[in-house]
Amino acid sequence: MLETIAILLVLLWALGYFTAYTMGGFIHVLLVIAVIVVLIRLIRGQRI
């Protein structure tokens, strides 16, 4: 489930970044959170 959320956040971030969407800052924050979650899972040795 976290993988799906991370992929969705990356897509939303790209959409916000390339279209200068006003919520782009919020999407960047969500992207950072998603990357941190994925890194924590990698460090713990869980499969992504």
N, C-alpha and C. Protein backbone atom coordinates (compact mmCIF):
# COMPACT_ATOMS: atom_id res chain seq x y z
N MET A 1 0.82 -1.18 0.00
CA MET A 1 0.00 0.00 0.00
C MET A 1 0.87 1.26 0.00
N LEU A 2 1.95 1.24 0.76
CA LEU A 2 2.84 2.40 0.79
C LEU A 2 3.48 2.65 -0.57
N GLU A 3 3.75 1.57 -1.30
CA GLU A 3 4.34 1.74 -2.62
C GLU A 3 3.38 2.49 -3.54
N THR A 4 2.10 2.15 -3.46
CA THR A 4 1.09 2.80 -4.28
C THR A 4 0.98 4.28 -3.93
N ILE A 5 1.00 4.58 -2.64
CA ILE A 5 0.95 5.97 -2.20
C ILE A 5 2.18 6.73 -2.69
N ALA A 6 3.34 6.11 -2.58
CA ALA A 6 4.58 6.77 -3.02
C ALA A 6 4.54 7.06 -4.52
N ILE A 7 4.08 6.11 -5.31
CA ILE A 7 3.98 6.32 -6.76
C ILE A 7 2.98 7.43 -7.07
N LEU A 8 1.86 7.42 -6.40
CA LEU A 8 0.85 8.46 -6.60
C LEU A 8 1.41 9.84 -6.25
N LEU A 9 2.15 9.92 -5.15
CA LEU A 9 2.73 11.20 -4.75
C LEU A 9 3.77 11.68 -5.75
N VAL A 10 4.56 10.77 -6.29
CA VAL A 10 5.54 11.16 -7.30
C VAL A 10 4.83 11.70 -8.54
N LEU A 11 3.76 11.04 -8.97
CA LEU A 11 3.02 11.51 -10.13
C LEU A 11 2.38 12.88 -9.87
N LEU A 12 1.80 13.06 -8.70
CA LEU A 12 1.21 14.35 -8.37
C LEU A 12 2.27 15.44 -8.28
N TRP A 13 3.44 15.09 -7.72
CA TRP A 13 4.53 16.04 -7.63
C TRP A 13 4.98 16.47 -9.02
N ALA A 14 5.15 15.51 -9.92
CA ALA A 14 5.56 15.83 -11.29
C ALA A 14 4.51 16.71 -11.96
N LEU A 15 3.24 16.40 -11.77
CA LEU A 15 2.18 17.21 -12.34
C LEU A 15 2.24 18.65 -11.81
N GLY A 16 2.41 18.78 -10.52
CA GLY A 16 2.51 20.11 -9.92
C GLY A 16 3.76 20.85 -10.34
N TYR A 17 4.84 20.14 -10.49
CA TYR A 17 6.10 20.77 -10.86
C TYR A 17 6.08 21.27 -12.30
N PHE A 18 5.56 20.47 -13.19
CA PHE A 18 5.60 20.83 -14.61
C PHE A 18 4.47 21.75 -15.04
N THR A 19 3.40 21.83 -14.26
CA THR A 19 2.30 22.70 -14.65
C THR A 19 2.22 23.94 -13.77
N ALA A 20 3.19 24.13 -12.89
CA ALA A 20 3.22 25.27 -11.97
C ALA A 20 1.92 25.36 -11.17
N TYR A 21 1.45 24.24 -10.73
CA TYR A 21 0.22 24.15 -9.95
C TYR A 21 0.42 24.86 -8.62
N THR A 22 -0.58 25.56 -8.14
CA THR A 22 -0.44 26.37 -6.93
C THR A 22 -0.20 25.52 -5.68
N MET A 23 -0.61 24.28 -5.70
CA MET A 23 -0.39 23.40 -4.55
C MET A 23 0.95 22.67 -4.65
N GLY A 24 1.83 23.11 -5.53
CA GLY A 24 3.10 22.44 -5.75
C GLY A 24 3.91 22.28 -4.48
N GLY A 25 3.90 23.29 -3.61
CA GLY A 25 4.64 23.20 -2.35
C GLY A 25 4.14 22.06 -1.48
N PHE A 26 2.85 21.89 -1.43
CA PHE A 26 2.26 20.81 -0.64
C PHE A 26 2.64 19.46 -1.21
N ILE A 27 2.63 19.35 -2.53
CA ILE A 27 3.01 18.11 -3.19
C ILE A 27 4.47 17.79 -2.91
N HIS A 28 5.34 18.80 -2.89
CA HIS A 28 6.75 18.57 -2.58
C HIS A 28 6.91 18.01 -1.16
N VAL A 29 6.15 18.55 -0.24
CA VAL A 29 6.20 18.04 1.14
C VAL A 29 5.77 16.58 1.18
N LEU A 30 4.69 16.24 0.48
CA LEU A 30 4.23 14.86 0.45
C LEU A 30 5.26 13.94 -0.21
N LEU A 31 5.93 14.44 -1.25
CA LEU A 31 6.97 13.65 -1.90
C LEU A 31 8.11 13.36 -0.94
N VAL A 32 8.53 14.35 -0.19
CA VAL A 32 9.61 14.15 0.78
C VAL A 32 9.21 13.11 1.81
N ILE A 33 7.98 13.18 2.28
CA ILE A 33 7.49 12.18 3.25
C ILE A 33 7.51 10.78 2.64
N ALA A 34 7.08 10.66 1.39
CA ALA A 34 7.06 9.36 0.72
C ALA A 34 8.47 8.81 0.57
N VAL A 35 9.42 9.65 0.20
CA VAL A 35 10.81 9.20 0.06
C VAL A 35 11.37 8.75 1.40
N ILE A 36 11.07 9.47 2.46
CA ILE A 36 11.55 9.09 3.79
C ILE A 36 10.98 7.73 4.20
N VAL A 37 9.69 7.50 3.93
CA VAL A 37 9.07 6.21 4.27
C VAL A 37 9.74 5.08 3.51
N VAL A 38 9.98 5.28 2.21
CA VAL A 38 10.63 4.25 1.41
C VAL A 38 12.04 3.98 1.92
N LEU A 39 12.78 5.02 2.26
CA LEU A 39 14.15 4.83 2.78
C LEU A 39 14.14 4.08 4.10
N ILE A 40 13.20 4.40 4.97
CA ILE A 40 13.11 3.70 6.25
C ILE A 40 12.83 2.21 6.02
N ARG A 41 11.94 1.91 5.07
CA ARG A 41 11.65 0.50 4.78
C ARG A 41 12.87 -0.20 4.21
N LEU A 42 13.64 0.49 3.36
CA LEU A 42 14.86 -0.10 2.81
C LEU A 42 15.89 -0.37 3.91
N ILE A 43 16.06 0.58 4.81
CA ILE A 43 17.03 0.43 5.89
C ILE A 43 16.64 -0.73 6.80
N ARG A 44 15.35 -0.89 7.05
CA ARG A 44 14.88 -1.99 7.91
C ARG A 44 14.94 -3.34 7.19
N GLY A 45 15.17 -3.31 5.87
CA GLY A 45 15.29 -4.55 5.12
C GLY A 45 13.98 -5.09 4.61
N GLN A 46 12.94 -4.29 4.64
CA GLN A 46 11.66 -4.74 4.12
C GLN A 46 11.64 -4.55 2.61
N ARG A 47 10.88 -5.39 1.96
CA ARG A 47 10.74 -5.30 0.51
C ARG A 47 9.89 -4.09 0.15
N ILE A 48 10.30 -3.38 -0.90
CA ILE A 48 9.53 -2.19 -1.30
C ILE A 48 8.30 -2.63 -2.08
